[in-house]
N, C-alpha and C. Protein backbone atom coordinates (compact mmCIF):
# COMPACT_ATOMS: atom_id res chain seq x y z
N MET A 1 -7.05 82.43 54.48
CA MET A 1 -8.46 82.20 54.47
C MET A 1 -8.93 81.67 53.12
N SER A 2 -8.32 82.07 52.08
CA SER A 2 -8.68 81.59 50.77
C SER A 2 -8.40 80.10 50.65
N ARG A 3 -7.37 79.66 51.40
CA ARG A 3 -7.06 78.24 51.37
C ARG A 3 -8.18 77.44 52.02
N ASN A 4 -8.72 77.92 53.13
CA ASN A 4 -9.84 77.26 53.81
C ASN A 4 -11.08 77.24 52.92
N VAL A 5 -11.31 78.26 52.19
CA VAL A 5 -12.45 78.32 51.29
C VAL A 5 -12.28 77.29 50.18
N LEU A 6 -11.06 77.17 49.65
CA LEU A 6 -10.80 76.19 48.60
C LEU A 6 -10.97 74.77 49.13
N LEU A 7 -10.45 74.50 50.34
CA LEU A 7 -10.60 73.17 50.94
C LEU A 7 -12.06 72.88 51.21
N SER A 8 -12.75 73.86 51.67
CA SER A 8 -14.16 73.69 51.99
C SER A 8 -14.97 73.42 50.75
N SER A 9 -14.71 74.13 49.66
CA SER A 9 -15.47 73.90 48.44
C SER A 9 -15.09 72.58 47.79
N SER A 10 -13.82 72.18 47.84
CA SER A 10 -13.44 70.89 47.27
C SER A 10 -13.96 69.76 48.16
N HIS A 11 -14.01 70.03 49.45
CA HIS A 11 -14.55 69.05 50.40
C HIS A 11 -16.03 68.83 50.12
N ASN A 12 -16.79 69.89 49.90
CA ASN A 12 -18.21 69.81 49.58
C ASN A 12 -18.41 69.15 48.23
N SER A 13 -17.56 69.42 47.28
CA SER A 13 -17.67 68.82 45.96
C SER A 13 -17.45 67.31 46.04
N PHE A 14 -16.49 66.88 46.87
CA PHE A 14 -16.22 65.45 47.03
C PHE A 14 -17.42 64.76 47.66
N PHE A 15 -17.96 65.34 48.71
CA PHE A 15 -19.12 64.73 49.38
C PHE A 15 -20.36 64.71 48.49
N SER A 16 -20.55 65.74 47.70
CA SER A 16 -21.69 65.75 46.80
C SER A 16 -21.52 64.70 45.70
N LYS A 17 -20.27 64.45 45.24
CA LYS A 17 -20.05 63.39 44.25
C LYS A 17 -20.28 62.01 44.87
N VAL A 18 -19.81 61.81 46.09
CA VAL A 18 -20.03 60.53 46.79
C VAL A 18 -21.52 60.32 47.03
N PHE A 19 -22.18 61.35 47.49
CA PHE A 19 -23.62 61.26 47.73
C PHE A 19 -24.37 60.96 46.43
N LEU A 20 -23.97 61.61 45.35
CA LEU A 20 -24.59 61.37 44.05
C LEU A 20 -24.34 59.94 43.59
N PHE A 21 -23.12 59.44 43.78
CA PHE A 21 -22.79 58.07 43.38
C PHE A 21 -23.63 57.05 44.15
N PHE A 22 -23.64 57.20 45.48
CA PHE A 22 -24.40 56.25 46.28
C PHE A 22 -25.91 56.38 46.06
N GLY A 23 -26.39 57.57 45.78
CA GLY A 23 -27.81 57.77 45.47
C GLY A 23 -28.19 57.08 44.18
N LEU A 24 -27.35 57.25 43.14
CA LEU A 24 -27.63 56.57 41.87
C LEU A 24 -27.49 55.06 42.01
N ALA A 25 -26.52 54.61 42.80
CA ALA A 25 -26.35 53.16 43.02
C ALA A 25 -27.58 52.60 43.73
N ALA A 26 -28.09 53.32 44.72
CA ALA A 26 -29.28 52.85 45.44
C ALA A 26 -30.49 52.80 44.51
N ILE A 27 -30.64 53.79 43.65
CA ILE A 27 -31.75 53.80 42.70
C ILE A 27 -31.62 52.63 41.73
N ALA A 28 -30.41 52.35 41.26
CA ALA A 28 -30.20 51.23 40.33
C ALA A 28 -30.50 49.90 41.01
N ILE A 29 -30.08 49.75 42.26
CA ILE A 29 -30.35 48.50 43.00
C ILE A 29 -31.85 48.33 43.22
N LEU A 30 -32.53 49.39 43.63
CA LEU A 30 -33.98 49.31 43.85
C LEU A 30 -34.73 49.03 42.55
N LEU A 31 -34.28 49.63 41.46
CA LEU A 31 -34.90 49.38 40.17
C LEU A 31 -34.72 47.92 39.74
N GLY A 32 -33.52 47.38 39.95
CA GLY A 32 -33.27 45.97 39.65
C GLY A 32 -34.13 45.05 40.50
N PHE A 33 -34.27 45.38 41.78
CA PHE A 33 -35.10 44.59 42.67
C PHE A 33 -36.56 44.65 42.24
N TYR A 34 -37.02 45.80 41.79
CA TYR A 34 -38.39 45.96 41.30
C TYR A 34 -38.63 45.07 40.07
N VAL A 35 -37.70 45.09 39.14
CA VAL A 35 -37.83 44.27 37.93
C VAL A 35 -37.86 42.79 38.32
N PHE A 36 -37.02 42.39 39.27
CA PHE A 36 -37.01 41.00 39.73
C PHE A 36 -38.36 40.62 40.34
N GLN A 37 -38.92 41.49 41.18
CA GLN A 37 -40.20 41.19 41.81
C GLN A 37 -41.32 41.07 40.79
N VAL A 38 -41.36 41.97 39.82
CA VAL A 38 -42.40 41.92 38.79
C VAL A 38 -42.26 40.64 37.98
N SER A 39 -41.05 40.27 37.63
CA SER A 39 -40.82 39.04 36.87
C SER A 39 -41.27 37.82 37.67
N ARG A 40 -40.95 37.79 38.94
CA ARG A 40 -41.34 36.67 39.80
C ARG A 40 -42.86 36.59 39.94
N GLU A 41 -43.52 37.73 40.08
CA GLU A 41 -44.98 37.75 40.20
C GLU A 41 -45.65 37.23 38.94
N ILE A 42 -45.13 37.62 37.78
CA ILE A 42 -45.70 37.15 36.52
C ILE A 42 -45.53 35.63 36.40
N ALA A 43 -44.36 35.13 36.79
CA ALA A 43 -44.12 33.68 36.74
C ALA A 43 -45.07 32.94 37.66
N LEU A 44 -45.31 33.48 38.85
CA LEU A 44 -46.23 32.83 39.79
C LEU A 44 -47.67 32.85 39.28
N ARG A 45 -48.07 33.95 38.67
CA ARG A 45 -49.43 34.02 38.11
C ARG A 45 -49.61 32.99 37.00
N TYR A 46 -48.59 32.83 36.16
CA TYR A 46 -48.65 31.84 35.08
C TYR A 46 -48.76 30.43 35.67
N THR A 47 -47.99 30.16 36.72
CA THR A 47 -48.05 28.85 37.37
C THR A 47 -49.41 28.60 37.98
N ILE A 48 -49.98 29.61 38.63
CA ILE A 48 -51.30 29.47 39.24
C ILE A 48 -52.36 29.21 38.17
N GLU A 49 -52.28 29.93 37.05
CA GLU A 49 -53.25 29.74 35.97
C GLU A 49 -53.18 28.32 35.42
N ASN A 50 -51.97 27.82 35.20
CA ASN A 50 -51.82 26.44 34.70
C ASN A 50 -52.32 25.43 35.73
N SER A 51 -52.06 25.69 37.00
CA SER A 51 -52.53 24.78 38.05
C SER A 51 -54.05 24.75 38.12
N GLU A 52 -54.69 25.91 37.94
CA GLU A 52 -56.15 25.95 37.95
C GLU A 52 -56.74 25.19 36.76
N LYS A 53 -56.10 25.32 35.59
CA LYS A 53 -56.58 24.56 34.43
C LYS A 53 -56.44 23.06 34.68
N MET A 54 -55.30 22.65 35.26
CA MET A 54 -55.07 21.24 35.54
C MET A 54 -56.07 20.74 36.57
N LEU A 55 -56.37 21.56 37.57
CA LEU A 55 -57.33 21.19 38.60
C LEU A 55 -58.72 21.02 38.00
N GLY A 56 -59.10 21.88 37.06
CA GLY A 56 -60.39 21.74 36.40
C GLY A 56 -60.49 20.42 35.64
N GLY A 57 -59.42 20.04 34.95
CA GLY A 57 -59.40 18.76 34.24
C GLY A 57 -59.49 17.58 35.20
N ILE A 58 -58.80 17.69 36.31
CA ILE A 58 -58.83 16.61 37.30
C ILE A 58 -60.22 16.49 37.91
N LYS A 59 -60.88 17.62 38.15
CA LYS A 59 -62.25 17.58 38.69
C LYS A 59 -63.20 16.88 37.73
N GLU A 60 -63.09 17.19 36.43
CA GLU A 60 -63.94 16.54 35.43
C GLU A 60 -63.68 15.03 35.40
N GLU A 61 -62.40 14.67 35.43
CA GLU A 61 -62.04 13.25 35.41
C GLU A 61 -62.57 12.56 36.67
N ASN A 62 -62.50 13.23 37.79
CA ASN A 62 -62.99 12.67 39.05
C ASN A 62 -64.50 12.43 39.00
N LYS A 63 -65.25 13.36 38.40
CA LYS A 63 -66.69 13.17 38.26
C LYS A 63 -66.99 11.91 37.45
N GLY A 64 -66.27 11.74 36.35
CA GLY A 64 -66.47 10.55 35.52
C GLY A 64 -66.14 9.28 36.28
N LEU A 65 -65.06 9.30 37.04
CA LEU A 65 -64.68 8.12 37.82
C LEU A 65 -65.70 7.83 38.92
N GLU A 66 -66.26 8.87 39.53
CA GLU A 66 -67.28 8.66 40.55
C GLU A 66 -68.52 8.00 39.95
N ILE A 67 -68.91 8.45 38.77
CA ILE A 67 -70.08 7.86 38.10
C ILE A 67 -69.82 6.40 37.76
N ASN A 68 -68.64 6.12 37.21
CA ASN A 68 -68.29 4.72 36.87
C ASN A 68 -68.25 3.85 38.12
N SER A 69 -67.70 4.37 39.20
CA SER A 69 -67.62 3.62 40.45
C SER A 69 -69.02 3.35 41.00
N TRP A 70 -69.88 4.36 40.95
CA TRP A 70 -71.24 4.19 41.45
C TRP A 70 -71.97 3.12 40.64
N GLN A 71 -71.83 3.16 39.31
CA GLN A 71 -72.49 2.17 38.46
C GLN A 71 -71.95 0.77 38.73
N ALA A 72 -70.64 0.64 38.91
CA ALA A 72 -70.06 -0.68 39.17
C ALA A 72 -70.52 -1.22 40.53
N ASN A 73 -70.54 -0.35 41.52
CA ASN A 73 -71.00 -0.78 42.84
C ASN A 73 -72.48 -1.13 42.83
N SER A 74 -73.27 -0.39 42.07
CA SER A 74 -74.69 -0.66 41.98
C SER A 74 -74.94 -2.03 41.37
N ALA A 75 -74.20 -2.37 40.32
CA ALA A 75 -74.36 -3.68 39.68
C ALA A 75 -73.95 -4.79 40.65
N ARG A 76 -72.85 -4.59 41.38
CA ARG A 76 -72.41 -5.60 42.35
C ARG A 76 -73.44 -5.75 43.48
N ASP A 77 -74.02 -4.63 43.90
CA ASP A 77 -75.03 -4.69 44.96
C ASP A 77 -76.26 -5.45 44.49
N ASN A 78 -76.66 -5.26 43.24
CA ASN A 78 -77.82 -5.98 42.70
C ASN A 78 -77.56 -7.48 42.65
N VAL A 79 -76.37 -7.87 42.24
CA VAL A 79 -76.03 -9.30 42.19
C VAL A 79 -76.03 -9.88 43.60
N ALA A 80 -75.46 -9.16 44.55
CA ALA A 80 -75.43 -9.65 45.94
C ALA A 80 -76.84 -9.75 46.51
N LEU A 81 -77.70 -8.78 46.21
CA LEU A 81 -79.08 -8.81 46.68
C LEU A 81 -79.84 -9.98 46.07
N ALA A 82 -79.63 -10.24 44.80
CA ALA A 82 -80.30 -11.37 44.14
C ALA A 82 -79.88 -12.70 44.76
N GLN A 83 -78.61 -12.84 45.09
CA GLN A 83 -78.14 -14.07 45.73
C GLN A 83 -78.72 -14.20 47.14
N LYS A 84 -78.78 -13.08 47.84
CA LYS A 84 -79.31 -13.10 49.20
C LYS A 84 -80.78 -13.48 49.22
N LEU A 85 -81.56 -13.04 48.21
CA LEU A 85 -82.99 -13.36 48.14
C LEU A 85 -83.27 -14.70 47.45
N ASN A 86 -82.21 -15.46 47.16
CA ASN A 86 -82.30 -16.79 46.53
C ASN A 86 -82.96 -16.73 45.16
N PHE A 87 -82.68 -15.71 44.40
CA PHE A 87 -83.17 -15.65 43.03
C PHE A 87 -82.35 -16.63 42.20
N GLU A 88 -83.00 -17.14 41.16
CA GLU A 88 -82.31 -18.06 40.26
C GLU A 88 -82.34 -17.49 38.86
N LYS A 89 -81.34 -17.86 38.08
CA LYS A 89 -81.26 -17.40 36.71
C LYS A 89 -82.33 -18.12 35.88
N VAL A 90 -83.05 -17.37 35.06
CA VAL A 90 -84.12 -17.93 34.26
C VAL A 90 -83.51 -18.61 33.03
N GLU A 91 -83.88 -19.88 32.83
CA GLU A 91 -83.37 -20.63 31.69
C GLU A 91 -84.36 -20.61 30.53
N LYS A 92 -85.65 -20.78 30.85
CA LYS A 92 -86.67 -20.87 29.82
C LYS A 92 -87.89 -20.06 30.24
N ILE A 93 -88.45 -19.31 29.30
CA ILE A 93 -89.62 -18.50 29.58
C ILE A 93 -90.81 -19.11 28.86
N THR A 94 -91.91 -19.30 29.62
CA THR A 94 -93.14 -19.84 29.06
C THR A 94 -94.23 -18.80 29.26
N TYR A 95 -94.94 -18.48 28.18
CA TYR A 95 -96.00 -17.48 28.25
C TYR A 95 -97.35 -18.18 28.32
N ILE A 96 -98.27 -17.60 29.02
CA ILE A 96 -99.63 -18.13 29.13
C ILE A 96 -100.53 -17.29 28.25
N LYS A 97 -101.30 -17.95 27.41
CA LYS A 97 -102.20 -17.24 26.53
C LYS A 97 -103.60 -17.30 27.13
N ILE A 98 -104.23 -16.16 27.32
CA ILE A 98 -105.56 -16.07 27.87
C ILE A 98 -106.56 -16.01 26.71
N LEU A 99 -107.57 -16.92 26.75
CA LEU A 99 -108.51 -17.00 25.64
C LEU A 99 -109.62 -15.98 25.76
N ASP A 100 -110.05 -15.67 26.96
CA ASP A 100 -111.12 -14.69 27.15
C ASP A 100 -110.56 -13.32 27.44
N ASN A 101 -111.46 -12.34 27.45
CA ASN A 101 -111.06 -11.01 27.85
C ASN A 101 -111.01 -10.84 29.35
N THR A 102 -111.58 -11.83 30.06
CA THR A 102 -111.61 -11.74 31.52
C THR A 102 -110.46 -12.57 32.09
N VAL A 103 -110.06 -12.19 33.26
CA VAL A 103 -108.97 -12.90 33.91
C VAL A 103 -109.47 -14.20 34.53
N VAL A 104 -110.67 -14.16 35.13
CA VAL A 104 -111.25 -15.35 35.76
C VAL A 104 -112.46 -15.77 34.95
N SER A 105 -112.53 -17.05 34.63
CA SER A 105 -113.71 -17.53 33.88
C SER A 105 -114.37 -18.62 34.69
N LYS A 106 -115.69 -18.79 34.42
CA LYS A 106 -116.48 -19.80 35.13
C LYS A 106 -116.57 -21.08 34.37
C-alpha cells in the first residue's frame, strides 16, 4: 500500500508540474498577445492622427482652389457675356463738360 501512495503522490506531483508549466506558458502567450495588441493600437492611432492632419491641409488647399476656379470662371463668363452682347473695347474716352448747373438748358 505504501507503494501505491508513493505512486499516487509522484503522479500528482507530475500533473501539478505539467499544469503549472502549461498555465505559465498560457499566461506568457496571453501577455505577449496583449503587448502586441496595444502596440498595434498605438500605431493605428498615430496613423489616424497623421491622416487627419493631412486631410485638414488638403481641405484648406481645396478651398483655395475652389476660390481660384470660381474667379477664373467668373472672368471667362464676363468675357463671353460681353461678346454675346456685342460690346466693343473702348479705344478713346471723351468727356463732356457741362457749363451750367442744370442738365437741360434753354
